[in-house]
Amino acid sequence: MKLLFWIVGLPLLLVAGFFAVANRETVAVSLWPFAETLQMPLFLAIAAPFYLGFSLGALIAWGASGRSRSRAREAARRTATLQRENDALKSRVDELEARTSPAAPPVPAVPQRSIAGEPPVFLP
């Protein structure tokens, strides 16, 4: 993803820079409901609406994802609580098993049949 950003982003940044350098002439911008006319460089008159639209869109997207972020935080808290509870229950089970079941008696070795006069082999 970072590589894609550099492959696409760097050329766009260079084009925007060249555009800004090539279009420094002052233009008059009048916004219809207002009587005032603004004097600004051409690149600013073109780039400012893009920047404003991007910023406004990012702000709206961030606000719209608030519910999802809230649910994710709640799920993380719930997961941590359940993990602590699970660990406590596991240690309690281990404690009860250690207390109630004595060590298992050793299993006696059973001799296996010998082959052709060899001594028997004992397997545990």
Protein backbone atom coordinates (compact mmCIF):
# COMPACT_ATOMS: atom_id res chain seq x y z
CA MET A 1 0.00 0.00 0.00
CA LYS A 2 2.88 2.36 0.75
CA LEU A 3 4.41 1.60 -2.62
CA LEU A 4 1.13 2.43 -4.35
CA PHE A 5 1.00 5.71 -2.43
CA TRP A 6 4.45 6.67 -3.67
CA ILE A 7 3.78 5.51 -7.23
CA VAL A 8 0.59 7.58 -7.46
CA GLY A 9 1.16 10.31 -4.88
CA LEU A 10 4.59 11.52 -5.88
CA PRO A 11 3.71 12.22 -9.53
CA LEU A 12 0.49 13.97 -8.46
CA LEU A 13 2.44 16.10 -6.00
CA LEU A 14 4.95 17.03 -8.71
CA VAL A 15 2.18 17.93 -11.17
CA ALA A 16 0.49 20.09 -8.52
CA GLY A 17 3.78 21.83 -7.77
CA PHE A 18 4.47 22.52 -11.44
CA PHE A 19 0.89 23.77 -11.87
CA ALA A 20 1.29 26.16 -8.92
CA VAL A 21 4.57 27.54 -10.27
CA ALA A 22 3.18 27.97 -13.79
CA ASN A 23 -0.09 29.65 -12.70
CA ARG A 24 0.89 32.41 -10.30
CA GLU A 25 -1.07 35.11 -12.10
CA THR A 26 -3.65 36.91 -10.02
CA VAL A 27 -7.29 36.34 -10.91
CA ALA A 28 -10.48 37.93 -9.64
CA VAL A 29 -12.83 35.47 -7.98
CA SER A 30 -16.36 36.58 -7.17
CA LEU A 31 -18.63 34.39 -5.14
CA TRP A 32 -22.18 34.88 -6.34
CA PRO A 33 -24.20 35.72 -3.24
CA PHE A 34 -21.47 38.00 -1.93
CA ALA A 35 -20.68 41.36 -3.48
CA GLU A 36 -16.98 41.16 -2.65
CA THR A 37 -14.46 40.09 -5.30
CA LEU A 38 -11.32 38.29 -4.14
CA GLN A 39 -7.93 38.66 -5.80
CA MET A 40 -5.84 35.49 -5.53
CA PRO A 41 -3.34 33.44 -7.52
CA LEU A 42 -4.91 31.07 -10.05
CA PHE A 43 -3.43 27.93 -8.47
CA LEU A 44 -4.96 28.92 -5.12
CA ALA A 45 -8.37 29.52 -6.72
CA ILE A 46 -8.21 25.99 -8.15
CA ALA A 47 -6.50 24.12 -5.28
CA ALA A 48 -8.41 25.66 -2.36
CA PRO A 49 -11.80 24.08 -3.24
CA PHE A 50 -10.13 20.67 -3.57
CA TYR A 51 -8.43 21.04 -0.20
CA LEU A 52 -11.65 22.30 1.41
CA GLY A 53 -13.69 19.43 -0.10
CA PHE A 54 -11.13 16.83 0.99
CA SER A 55 -11.03 18.22 4.54
CA LEU A 56 -14.81 18.39 4.81
CA GLY A 57 -15.17 14.84 3.44
CA ALA A 58 -12.58 13.53 5.91
CA LEU A 59 -14.36 15.24 8.79
CA ILE A 60 -17.73 13.79 7.77
CA ALA A 61 -16.25 10.29 7.34
CA TRP A 62 -14.57 10.52 10.74
CA GLY A 63 -17.86 11.57 12.36
CA ALA A 64 -19.82 8.83 10.60
CA SER A 65 -17.42 6.16 11.84
CA GLY A 66 -17.90 7.19 15.48
CA ARG A 67 -20.38 4.41 16.19
CA SER A 68 -18.02 1.78 14.75
CA ARG A 69 -15.08 3.09 16.80
CA SER A 70 -17.26 3.05 19.91
CA ARG A 71 -18.30 -0.55 19.27
CA ALA A 72 -14.69 -1.56 18.66
CA ARG A 73 -13.58 -0.01 21.97
CA GLU A 74 -16.42 -1.77 23.80
CA ALA A 75 -15.53 -5.11 22.15
CA ALA A 76 -11.88 -4.65 23.18
CA ARG A 77 -12.89 -3.96 26.79
CA ARG A 78 -15.22 -6.97 26.78
CA THR A 79 -12.49 -9.19 25.30
CA ALA A 80 -10.02 -8.09 27.97
CA THR A 81 -12.57 -8.75 30.72
CA LEU A 82 -13.40 -12.21 29.36
CA GLN A 83 -9.70 -13.03 28.98
CA ARG A 84 -9.02 -12.11 32.62
CA GLU A 85 -12.04 -14.16 33.72
CA ASN A 86 -10.90 -17.11 31.60
CA ASP A 87 -7.39 -16.98 33.06
CA ALA A 88 -8.79 -16.83 36.60
CA LEU A 89 -11.05 -19.83 35.94
CA LYS A 90 -8.18 -21.83 34.43
CA SER A 91 -6.00 -21.19 37.46
CA ARG A 92 -8.91 -22.14 39.74
CA VAL A 93 -9.42 -25.42 37.81
CA ASP A 94 -5.70 -26.22 38.04
CA GLU A 95 -5.78 -25.47 41.76
CA LEU A 96 -8.79 -27.73 42.32
CA GLU A 97 -7.33 -30.55 40.21
CA ALA A 98 -4.06 -30.38 42.15
CA ARG A 99 -5.92 -30.47 45.45
CA THR A 100 -8.42 -33.25 44.67
CA SER A 101 -6.53 -35.74 42.52
CA PRO A 102 -3.45 -37.35 44.07
CA ALA A 103 -0.55 -38.23 41.86
CA ALA A 104 -1.41 -41.12 39.57
CA PRO A 105 0.11 -44.43 40.68
CA PRO A 106 2.89 -45.69 38.46
CA VAL A 107 1.82 -48.10 35.78
CA PRO A 108 3.53 -51.47 36.19
CA ALA A 109 5.71 -52.55 33.32
CA VAL A 110 4.32 -55.40 31.27
CA PRO A 111 6.84 -57.85 29.86
CA GLN A 112 6.58 -58.42 26.14
CA ARG A 113 7.15 -61.82 24.59
CA SER A 114 10.70 -62.57 23.74
CA ILE A 115 11.71 -63.72 20.32
CA ALA A 116 13.89 -66.80 20.03
CA GLY A 117 15.29 -66.94 23.50
CA GLU A 118 16.09 -63.27 23.99
CA PRO A 119 15.38 -61.85 27.42
CA PRO A 120 11.94 -60.21 27.77
CA VAL A 121 11.67 -56.47 27.04
CA PHE A 122 9.83 -54.35 29.58
CA LEU A 123 7.91 -51.38 28.18
CA PRO A 124 6.48 -48.77 30.48
